[in-house]
Amino acid sequence: MTALTPTRTLTTTTPLSTSTIHSSSPITFTPLNPPYNTLLAGTIFTTHTFPTILSNEDDMKRHETYVPHGIGVKNGVVAVMNKFLPGAECPGHRTETIDFGVMVEGELEVLLEDGGRKRFGRGDVVVQRGTYHGWRNPSMENETLVFFVAVGAEAVVVDGEVLGEDLKNLGM
């Protein structure tokens, strides 16, 4: 199978109030599981305020200087394209985000604490609400590409216990 190479395009408004392309380039993927390098993430864009400030390209300036600390942005949004190589697994973790995932290509299986599993295919959508979960590409032949938008959220609380973020299995 040919490697999937999606492109990120940003638009903006010029000083003359016309819309234009700000930039367009292939998404740069970074391995999340060295030394195996079978799970890759390509950050597309981040925002850091609600609502997002678009004037004077404030949002672009904040994105360009963003240094990740975990997966989400506490008071913002992360748009990321994840690539799972054949057979790749992402170990169990919990984020303080609500994640909207859209399967772009391939298949992906979510693995939950209670032993539950659900397989998603091209075009499927998953809303991951701060639960402890992992991911697995069940194919030993094809890459999987999934687009996530992670929106900052409060920690999940169950019976007074704050579950919070748990990224230790990801080395974060």
N, C-alpha and C. Protein backbone atom coordinates (compact mmCIF):
# COMPACT_ATOMS: atom_id res chain seq x y z
N MET A 1 0.84 -1.20 0.00
CA MET A 1 0.00 0.00 0.00
C MET A 1 0.87 1.25 0.00
N THR A 2 0.46 2.26 -0.71
CA THR A 2 1.16 3.54 -0.76
C THR A 2 0.95 4.29 0.54
N ALA A 3 2.00 4.94 1.04
CA ALA A 3 1.89 5.74 2.26
C ALA A 3 0.93 6.91 2.02
N LEU A 4 0.08 7.15 2.99
CA LEU A 4 -0.89 8.24 2.89
C LEU A 4 -0.21 9.55 3.30
N THR A 5 -0.31 10.59 2.44
CA THR A 5 0.35 11.87 2.72
C THR A 5 -0.63 13.03 2.56
N PRO A 6 -1.45 13.26 3.59
CA PRO A 6 -2.42 14.37 3.52
C PRO A 6 -1.73 15.73 3.63
N THR A 7 -2.45 16.75 3.18
CA THR A 7 -1.96 18.13 3.17
C THR A 7 -2.79 18.99 4.12
N ARG A 8 -2.12 19.97 4.76
CA ARG A 8 -2.80 20.95 5.62
C ARG A 8 -2.78 22.29 4.90
N THR A 9 -3.96 22.91 4.78
CA THR A 9 -4.07 24.23 4.15
C THR A 9 -4.72 25.18 5.14
N LEU A 10 -4.11 26.34 5.36
CA LEU A 10 -4.65 27.38 6.23
C LEU A 10 -5.06 28.57 5.39
N THR A 11 -6.22 29.12 5.72
CA THR A 11 -6.68 30.34 5.04
C THR A 11 -6.56 31.51 6.00
N THR A 12 -6.62 32.72 5.47
CA THR A 12 -6.55 33.92 6.29
C THR A 12 -7.27 35.06 5.58
N THR A 13 -7.35 36.18 6.26
CA THR A 13 -7.93 37.40 5.68
C THR A 13 -6.82 38.43 5.56
N THR A 14 -6.68 39.03 4.39
CA THR A 14 -5.63 40.01 4.14
C THR A 14 -6.00 41.36 4.77
N PRO A 15 -5.05 42.29 4.87
CA PRO A 15 -5.36 43.64 5.35
C PRO A 15 -6.41 44.35 4.49
N LEU A 16 -6.63 43.88 3.25
CA LEU A 16 -7.66 44.46 2.38
C LEU A 16 -9.00 43.73 2.54
N SER A 17 -9.09 42.88 3.57
CA SER A 17 -10.33 42.15 3.89
C SER A 17 -10.73 41.11 2.85
N THR A 18 -9.77 40.56 2.13
CA THR A 18 -10.06 39.48 1.19
C THR A 18 -9.49 38.18 1.74
N SER A 19 -10.17 37.09 1.43
CA SER A 19 -9.69 35.79 1.88
C SER A 19 -8.61 35.28 0.93
N THR A 20 -7.67 34.53 1.52
CA THR A 20 -6.56 34.00 0.73
C THR A 20 -5.99 32.76 1.42
N ILE A 21 -5.18 32.02 0.69
CA ILE A 21 -4.46 30.89 1.27
C ILE A 21 -3.25 31.44 2.02
N HIS A 22 -3.15 31.11 3.28
CA HIS A 22 -1.99 31.50 4.10
C HIS A 22 -0.82 30.56 3.83
N SER A 23 -1.11 29.25 3.86
CA SER A 23 -0.06 28.26 3.62
C SER A 23 -0.70 26.92 3.31
N SER A 24 0.06 26.08 2.62
CA SER A 24 -0.39 24.73 2.28
C SER A 24 0.83 23.85 2.16
N SER A 25 0.83 22.74 2.93
CA SER A 25 1.98 21.84 2.89
C SER A 25 1.57 20.47 3.41
N PRO A 26 2.36 19.45 3.08
CA PRO A 26 2.06 18.12 3.60
C PRO A 26 2.14 18.13 5.13
N ILE A 27 1.29 17.34 5.77
CA ILE A 27 1.32 17.23 7.23
C ILE A 27 2.58 16.48 7.63
N THR A 28 3.29 17.02 8.61
CA THR A 28 4.50 16.39 9.13
C THR A 28 4.10 15.46 10.28
N PHE A 29 4.41 14.19 10.14
CA PHE A 29 4.08 13.20 11.16
C PHE A 29 5.28 12.92 12.05
N THR A 30 5.01 12.84 13.36
CA THR A 30 6.05 12.57 14.36
C THR A 30 5.70 11.27 15.08
N PRO A 31 6.67 10.36 15.23
CA PRO A 31 6.39 9.10 15.93
C PRO A 31 6.02 9.34 17.40
N LEU A 32 5.00 8.61 17.87
CA LEU A 32 4.58 8.70 19.27
C LEU A 32 5.07 7.51 20.09
N ASN A 33 5.62 6.50 19.43
CA ASN A 33 6.03 5.31 20.16
C ASN A 33 7.42 4.82 19.78
N PRO A 34 8.45 5.70 19.92
CA PRO A 34 9.80 5.22 19.64
C PRO A 34 10.13 4.04 20.56
N PRO A 35 10.90 3.09 20.17
CA PRO A 35 11.65 3.01 18.92
C PRO A 35 10.87 2.36 17.79
N TYR A 36 9.61 1.97 18.04
CA TYR A 36 8.85 1.22 17.03
C TYR A 36 8.39 2.10 15.86
N ASN A 37 8.00 3.35 16.17
CA ASN A 37 7.60 4.30 15.13
C ASN A 37 6.47 3.79 14.24
N THR A 38 5.48 3.14 14.87
CA THR A 38 4.34 2.62 14.11
C THR A 38 3.09 3.47 14.32
N LEU A 39 3.15 4.39 15.26
CA LEU A 39 2.04 5.30 15.55
C LEU A 39 2.57 6.72 15.41
N LEU A 40 1.96 7.48 14.49
CA LEU A 40 2.47 8.82 14.20
C LEU A 40 1.36 9.85 14.32
N ALA A 41 1.73 11.06 14.74
CA ALA A 41 0.76 12.15 14.89
C ALA A 41 1.24 13.35 14.09
N GLY A 42 0.31 13.97 13.39
CA GLY A 42 0.59 15.19 12.64
C GLY A 42 -0.33 16.29 13.14
N THR A 43 0.20 17.17 13.98
CA THR A 43 -0.62 18.26 14.49
C THR A 43 -0.95 19.20 13.34
N ILE A 44 -2.24 19.44 13.16
CA ILE A 44 -2.71 20.29 12.07
C ILE A 44 -2.84 21.73 12.54
N PHE A 45 -3.47 21.90 13.71
CA PHE A 45 -3.63 23.26 14.24
C PHE A 45 -4.03 23.17 15.70
N THR A 46 -3.69 24.19 16.46
CA THR A 46 -4.09 24.31 17.86
C THR A 46 -4.69 25.68 18.09
N THR A 47 -5.65 25.74 19.01
CA THR A 47 -6.15 27.03 19.46
C THR A 47 -5.98 27.07 20.97
N HIS A 48 -5.97 28.27 21.56
CA HIS A 48 -5.60 28.40 22.96
C HIS A 48 -6.54 29.26 23.77
N THR A 49 -7.65 29.69 23.17
CA THR A 49 -8.65 30.50 23.86
C THR A 49 -10.03 30.09 23.38
N PHE A 50 -11.04 30.33 24.22
CA PHE A 50 -12.45 30.21 23.82
C PHE A 50 -13.08 31.57 24.02
N PRO A 51 -13.66 32.21 23.03
CA PRO A 51 -13.58 31.82 21.62
C PRO A 51 -12.17 32.12 21.08
N THR A 52 -11.87 31.52 19.96
CA THR A 52 -10.57 31.73 19.32
C THR A 52 -10.49 33.14 18.76
N ILE A 53 -9.34 33.78 18.97
CA ILE A 53 -9.11 35.14 18.46
C ILE A 53 -8.46 35.03 17.09
N LEU A 54 -9.18 35.45 16.05
CA LEU A 54 -8.70 35.36 14.67
C LEU A 54 -8.06 36.65 14.18
N SER A 55 -8.37 37.78 14.82
CA SER A 55 -7.85 39.07 14.37
C SER A 55 -6.34 39.12 14.49
N ASN A 56 -5.72 39.79 13.51
CA ASN A 56 -4.26 39.95 13.47
C ASN A 56 -3.52 38.62 13.51
N GLU A 57 -4.20 37.56 13.06
CA GLU A 57 -3.62 36.21 13.04
C GLU A 57 -3.12 35.78 14.42
N ASP A 58 -3.80 36.25 15.48
CA ASP A 58 -3.42 35.88 16.84
C ASP A 58 -3.38 34.36 17.02
N ASP A 59 -4.38 33.68 16.47
CA ASP A 59 -4.44 32.22 16.60
C ASP A 59 -3.24 31.55 15.93
N MET A 60 -2.82 32.06 14.77
CA MET A 60 -1.68 31.47 14.08
C MET A 60 -0.39 31.70 14.86
N LYS A 61 -0.24 32.88 15.44
CA LYS A 61 0.95 33.18 16.24
C LYS A 61 1.03 32.26 17.44
N ARG A 62 -0.10 32.03 18.12
CA ARG A 62 -0.12 31.13 19.28
C ARG A 62 0.19 29.70 18.84
N HIS A 63 -0.38 29.28 17.73
CA HIS A 63 -0.13 27.92 17.23
C HIS A 63 1.35 27.73 16.91
N GLU A 64 1.96 28.69 16.25
CA GLU A 64 3.36 28.55 15.84
C GLU A 64 4.31 28.48 17.02
N THR A 65 3.93 29.03 18.17
CA THR A 65 4.82 29.01 19.34
C THR A 65 4.42 27.94 20.36
N TYR A 66 3.40 27.14 20.03
CA TYR A 66 2.89 26.13 20.96
C TYR A 66 3.88 24.99 21.16
N VAL A 67 4.13 24.66 22.42
CA VAL A 67 4.95 23.50 22.79
C VAL A 67 4.02 22.53 23.51
N PRO A 68 3.78 21.33 22.95
CA PRO A 68 2.82 20.40 23.56
C PRO A 68 3.26 19.90 24.93
N HIS A 69 2.30 19.78 25.81
CA HIS A 69 2.47 19.18 27.14
C HIS A 69 1.31 18.19 27.29
N GLY A 70 1.45 17.01 26.76
CA GLY A 70 0.35 16.05 26.77
C GLY A 70 -0.33 16.04 25.42
N ILE A 71 -1.63 15.72 25.43
CA ILE A 71 -2.35 15.57 24.17
C ILE A 71 -3.24 16.77 23.86
N GLY A 72 -3.92 17.32 24.86
CA GLY A 72 -4.86 18.41 24.63
C GLY A 72 -4.29 19.76 25.01
N VAL A 73 -5.08 20.80 24.76
CA VAL A 73 -4.80 22.17 25.20
C VAL A 73 -5.90 22.50 26.20
N LYS A 74 -5.52 22.87 27.43
CA LYS A 74 -6.49 23.04 28.52
C LYS A 74 -7.67 23.93 28.13
N ASN A 75 -7.43 25.07 27.56
CA ASN A 75 -8.52 25.98 27.19
C ASN A 75 -8.59 26.17 25.69
N GLY A 76 -8.37 25.09 24.95
CA GLY A 76 -8.35 25.21 23.51
C GLY A 76 -8.66 23.91 22.81
N VAL A 77 -8.18 23.82 21.58
CA VAL A 77 -8.49 22.70 20.71
C VAL A 77 -7.20 22.26 20.00
N VAL A 78 -7.08 20.96 19.80
CA VAL A 78 -6.00 20.40 19.00
C VAL A 78 -6.64 19.61 17.86
N ALA A 79 -6.27 19.94 16.64
CA ALA A 79 -6.68 19.15 15.47
C ALA A 79 -5.45 18.35 15.05
N VAL A 80 -5.60 17.03 14.97
CA VAL A 80 -4.46 16.17 14.70
C VAL A 80 -4.87 15.04 13.75
N MET A 81 -3.96 14.68 12.86
CA MET A 81 -4.15 13.53 11.99
C MET A 81 -3.23 12.44 12.53
N ASN A 82 -3.82 11.31 12.92
CA ASN A 82 -3.02 10.20 13.43
C ASN A 82 -2.91 9.12 12.37
N LYS A 83 -1.71 8.57 12.26
CA LYS A 83 -1.45 7.51 11.30
C LYS A 83 -1.00 6.27 12.08
N PHE A 84 -1.73 5.18 11.88
CA PHE A 84 -1.39 3.91 12.50
C PHE A 84 -0.87 2.99 11.40
N LEU A 85 0.39 2.60 11.49
CA LEU A 85 0.93 1.67 10.51
C LEU A 85 0.31 0.29 10.76
N PRO A 86 0.45 -0.65 9.81
CA PRO A 86 -0.17 -1.96 9.98
C PRO A 86 0.18 -2.59 11.34
N GLY A 87 -0.87 -3.03 12.07
CA GLY A 87 -0.69 -3.70 13.35
C GLY A 87 -0.37 -2.78 14.53
N ALA A 88 -0.29 -1.48 14.31
CA ALA A 88 0.10 -0.55 15.37
C ALA A 88 -0.93 -0.50 16.48
N GLU A 89 -0.44 -0.31 17.70
CA GLU A 89 -1.32 -0.15 18.87
C GLU A 89 -0.92 1.10 19.63
N CYS A 90 -1.92 1.78 20.17
CA CYS A 90 -1.72 2.91 21.05
C CYS A 90 -2.20 2.44 22.42
N PRO A 91 -1.31 2.42 23.43
CA PRO A 91 -1.70 1.88 24.73
C PRO A 91 -2.76 2.73 25.43
N GLY A 92 -3.38 2.12 26.45
CA GLY A 92 -4.44 2.77 27.20
C GLY A 92 -4.01 4.09 27.80
N HIS A 93 -4.92 5.06 27.75
CA HIS A 93 -4.66 6.40 28.30
C HIS A 93 -5.98 7.14 28.48
N ARG A 94 -5.93 8.24 29.24
CA ARG A 94 -7.11 9.11 29.43
C ARG A 94 -6.63 10.55 29.27
N THR A 95 -7.41 11.35 28.57
CA THR A 95 -7.10 12.77 28.40
C THR A 95 -8.21 13.61 29.02
N GLU A 96 -7.91 14.85 29.31
CA GLU A 96 -8.93 15.79 29.77
C GLU A 96 -9.44 16.57 28.57
N THR A 97 -10.03 15.79 27.64
CA THR A 97 -10.57 16.34 26.40
C THR A 97 -11.80 15.54 26.00
N ILE A 98 -12.60 16.14 25.13
CA ILE A 98 -13.61 15.39 24.40
C ILE A 98 -13.11 15.37 22.96
N ASP A 99 -12.97 14.17 22.42
CA ASP A 99 -12.34 13.99 21.12
C ASP A 99 -13.36 13.56 20.08
N PHE A 100 -13.32 14.23 18.94
CA PHE A 100 -14.18 13.88 17.82
C PHE A 100 -13.27 13.28 16.75
N GLY A 101 -13.45 11.99 16.47
CA GLY A 101 -12.59 11.30 15.53
C GLY A 101 -13.35 10.88 14.29
N VAL A 102 -12.75 11.11 13.13
CA VAL A 102 -13.34 10.72 11.85
C VAL A 102 -12.34 9.81 11.14
N MET A 103 -12.78 8.60 10.83
CA MET A 103 -11.94 7.66 10.11
C MET A 103 -11.80 8.11 8.66
N VAL A 104 -10.58 8.37 8.26
CA VAL A 104 -10.32 8.83 6.90
C VAL A 104 -10.02 7.65 5.97
N GLU A 105 -9.20 6.73 6.46
CA GLU A 105 -8.80 5.59 5.64
C GLU A 105 -8.44 4.44 6.57
N GLY A 106 -8.80 3.22 6.16
CA GLY A 106 -8.44 2.04 6.94
C GLY A 106 -9.45 1.72 8.03
N GLU A 107 -8.99 0.93 9.00
CA GLU A 107 -9.81 0.52 10.14
C GLU A 107 -9.08 0.82 11.42
N LEU A 108 -9.84 1.03 12.49
CA LEU A 108 -9.27 1.27 13.81
C LEU A 108 -10.20 0.66 14.84
N GLU A 109 -9.63 0.07 15.86
CA GLU A 109 -10.41 -0.55 16.92
C GLU A 109 -10.11 0.18 18.22
N VAL A 110 -11.18 0.57 18.95
CA VAL A 110 -11.01 1.16 20.27
C VAL A 110 -11.05 0.03 21.29
N LEU A 111 -10.17 0.12 22.30
CA LEU A 111 -10.08 -0.89 23.35
C LEU A 111 -10.42 -0.19 24.67
N LEU A 112 -11.44 -0.69 25.38
CA LEU A 112 -11.91 -0.03 26.59
C LEU A 112 -11.60 -0.87 27.84
N GLU A 113 -11.65 -0.22 29.00
CA GLU A 113 -11.29 -0.87 30.27
C GLU A 113 -12.13 -2.10 30.58
N ASP A 114 -13.40 -2.09 30.22
CA ASP A 114 -14.28 -3.21 30.55
C ASP A 114 -14.11 -4.38 29.59
N GLY A 115 -13.12 -4.30 28.71
CA GLY A 115 -12.89 -5.35 27.73
C GLY A 115 -13.65 -5.11 26.42
N GLY A 116 -14.47 -4.06 26.41
CA GLY A 116 -15.22 -3.73 25.21
C GLY A 116 -14.30 -3.31 24.07
N ARG A 117 -14.72 -3.65 22.86
CA ARG A 117 -13.99 -3.28 21.64
C ARG A 117 -15.02 -2.86 20.61
N LYS A 118 -14.62 -1.91 19.78
CA LYS A 118 -15.50 -1.48 18.68
C LYS A 118 -14.61 -1.15 17.51
N ARG A 119 -14.93 -1.69 16.36
CA ARG A 119 -14.14 -1.45 15.15
C ARG A 119 -14.81 -0.35 14.33
N PHE A 120 -13.99 0.58 13.84
CA PHE A 120 -14.45 1.69 13.02
C PHE A 120 -13.81 1.58 11.64
N GLY A 121 -14.57 1.93 10.61
CA GLY A 121 -14.07 1.92 9.24
C GLY A 121 -14.20 3.30 8.62
N ARG A 122 -13.73 3.40 7.41
CA ARG A 122 -13.74 4.66 6.66
C ARG A 122 -15.10 5.36 6.75
N GLY A 123 -15.08 6.63 7.15
CA GLY A 123 -16.29 7.43 7.26
C GLY A 123 -16.96 7.37 8.61
N ASP A 124 -16.58 6.41 9.46
CA ASP A 124 -17.18 6.32 10.79
C ASP A 124 -16.68 7.46 11.68
N VAL A 125 -17.49 7.78 12.69
CA VAL A 125 -17.17 8.86 13.62
C VAL A 125 -17.24 8.31 15.03
N VAL A 126 -16.29 8.70 15.87
CA VAL A 126 -16.30 8.32 17.28
C VAL A 126 -16.19 9.60 18.12
N VAL A 127 -16.94 9.65 19.22
CA VAL A 127 -16.83 10.74 20.19
C VAL A 127 -16.29 10.11 21.46
N GLN A 128 -15.07 10.42 21.78
CA GLN A 128 -14.36 9.85 22.92
C GLN A 128 -14.40 10.89 24.04
N ARG A 129 -15.10 10.59 25.13
CA ARG A 129 -15.44 11.57 26.17
C ARG A 129 -14.61 11.41 27.43
N GLY A 130 -13.31 11.51 27.34
CA GLY A 130 -12.46 11.45 28.52
C GLY A 130 -12.37 10.09 29.16
N THR A 131 -12.71 9.02 28.43
CA THR A 131 -12.64 7.67 28.97
C THR A 131 -11.24 7.10 28.80
N TYR A 132 -10.90 6.13 29.64
CA TYR A 132 -9.63 5.41 29.51
C TYR A 132 -9.79 4.46 28.33
N HIS A 133 -8.88 4.57 27.36
CA HIS A 133 -9.03 3.82 26.11
C HIS A 133 -7.69 3.64 25.43
N GLY A 134 -7.63 2.70 24.51
CA GLY A 134 -6.48 2.50 23.64
C GLY A 134 -6.99 2.31 22.22
N TRP A 135 -6.06 2.25 21.27
CA TRP A 135 -6.43 2.08 19.86
C TRP A 135 -5.58 0.98 19.24
N ARG A 136 -6.10 0.34 18.20
CA ARG A 136 -5.34 -0.70 17.50
C ARG A 136 -5.75 -0.72 16.04
N ASN A 137 -4.75 -0.77 15.15
CA ASN A 137 -5.01 -0.99 13.73
C ASN A 137 -5.06 -2.50 13.53
N PRO A 138 -6.24 -3.07 13.24
CA PRO A 138 -6.35 -4.52 13.12
C PRO A 138 -5.73 -5.08 11.83
N SER A 139 -5.43 -4.23 10.89
CA SER A 139 -4.87 -4.70 9.62
C SER A 139 -3.36 -4.90 9.74
N MET A 140 -2.89 -5.97 9.18
CA MET A 140 -1.45 -6.22 9.13
C MET A 140 -0.89 -5.81 7.76
N GLU A 141 -1.74 -5.18 6.92
CA GLU A 141 -1.31 -4.79 5.58
C GLU A 141 -1.49 -3.31 5.27
N ASN A 142 -2.49 -2.66 5.88
CA ASN A 142 -2.84 -1.30 5.49
C ASN A 142 -2.67 -0.29 6.63
N GLU A 143 -2.27 0.91 6.25
CA GLU A 143 -2.22 2.02 7.20
C GLU A 143 -3.64 2.48 7.53
N THR A 144 -3.77 3.09 8.69
CA THR A 144 -5.03 3.72 9.08
C THR A 144 -4.76 5.20 9.30
N LEU A 145 -5.66 6.03 8.82
CA LEU A 145 -5.56 7.47 8.99
C LEU A 145 -6.85 7.94 9.65
N VAL A 146 -6.72 8.64 10.79
CA VAL A 146 -7.89 9.13 11.51
C VAL A 146 -7.64 10.58 11.91
N PHE A 147 -8.65 11.41 11.72
CA PHE A 147 -8.58 12.84 12.04
C PHE A 147 -9.30 13.07 13.36
N PHE A 148 -8.60 13.65 14.34
CA PHE A 148 -9.19 13.94 15.64
C PHE A 148 -9.18 15.44 15.90
N VAL A 149 -10.26 15.90 16.52
CA VAL A 149 -10.31 17.24 17.10
C VAL A 149 -10.53 17.04 18.59
N ALA A 150 -9.52 17.42 19.39
CA ALA A 150 -9.57 17.26 20.85
C ALA A 150 -9.85 18.62 21.48
N VAL A 151 -10.99 18.71 22.16
CA VAL A 151 -11.42 19.96 22.78
C VAL A 151 -11.18 19.87 24.28
N GLY A 152 -10.48 20.86 24.84
CA GLY A 152 -10.21 20.87 26.27
C GLY A 152 -11.49 20.70 27.08
N ALA A 153 -11.42 19.87 28.15
CA ALA A 153 -12.59 19.60 28.99
C ALA A 153 -12.14 19.49 30.45
N GLU A 154 -13.09 19.56 31.35
CA GLU A 154 -12.80 19.31 32.75
C GLU A 154 -12.56 17.83 32.95
N ALA A 155 -11.80 17.48 33.99
CA ALA A 155 -11.54 16.08 34.31
C ALA A 155 -12.85 15.37 34.63
N VAL A 156 -12.92 14.10 34.26
CA VAL A 156 -14.08 13.27 34.58
C VAL A 156 -14.08 13.01 36.08
N VAL A 157 -15.26 13.15 36.72
CA VAL A 157 -15.43 12.87 38.14
C VAL A 157 -16.51 11.80 38.27
N VAL A 158 -16.20 10.71 39.00
CA VAL A 158 -17.15 9.63 39.24
C VAL A 158 -17.22 9.40 40.75
N ASP A 159 -18.41 9.56 41.32
CA ASP A 159 -18.62 9.40 42.77
C ASP A 159 -17.60 10.20 43.59
N GLY A 160 -17.34 11.44 43.16
CA GLY A 160 -16.43 12.31 43.88
C GLY A 160 -14.95 12.10 43.59
N GLU A 161 -14.62 11.05 42.84
CA GLU A 161 -13.21 10.78 42.50
C GLU A 161 -12.88 11.43 41.16
N VAL A 162 -11.84 12.27 41.17
CA VAL A 162 -11.37 12.91 39.94
C VAL A 162 -10.46 11.92 39.22
N LEU A 163 -10.88 11.50 38.03
CA LEU A 163 -10.10 10.52 37.29
C LEU A 163 -8.90 11.16 36.60
N GLY A 164 -9.07 12.34 36.03
CA GLY A 164 -7.96 13.11 35.48
C GLY A 164 -7.24 12.44 34.32
N GLU A 165 -6.23 13.16 33.84
CA GLU A 165 -5.43 12.71 32.71
C GLU A 165 -4.49 11.59 33.13
N ASP A 166 -4.32 10.58 32.29
CA ASP A 166 -3.42 9.47 32.54
C ASP A 166 -2.72 9.12 31.24
N LEU A 167 -1.48 9.61 31.11
CA LEU A 167 -0.71 9.41 29.88
C LEU A 167 0.56 8.58 30.12
N LYS A 168 0.66 7.94 31.29
CA LYS A 168 1.91 7.23 31.63
C LYS A 168 2.25 6.13 30.63
N ASN A 169 1.23 5.43 30.09
CA ASN A 169 1.50 4.38 29.10
C ASN A 169 2.01 4.94 27.78
N LEU A 170 1.84 6.25 27.59
CA LEU A 170 2.34 6.90 26.37
C LEU A 170 3.70 7.54 26.60
N GLY A 171 4.21 7.43 27.83
CA GLY A 171 5.50 8.02 28.15
C GLY A 171 5.43 9.53 28.29
N MET A 172 4.26 10.06 28.61
CA MET A 172 4.09 11.51 28.76
C MET A 172 3.80 11.86 30.21
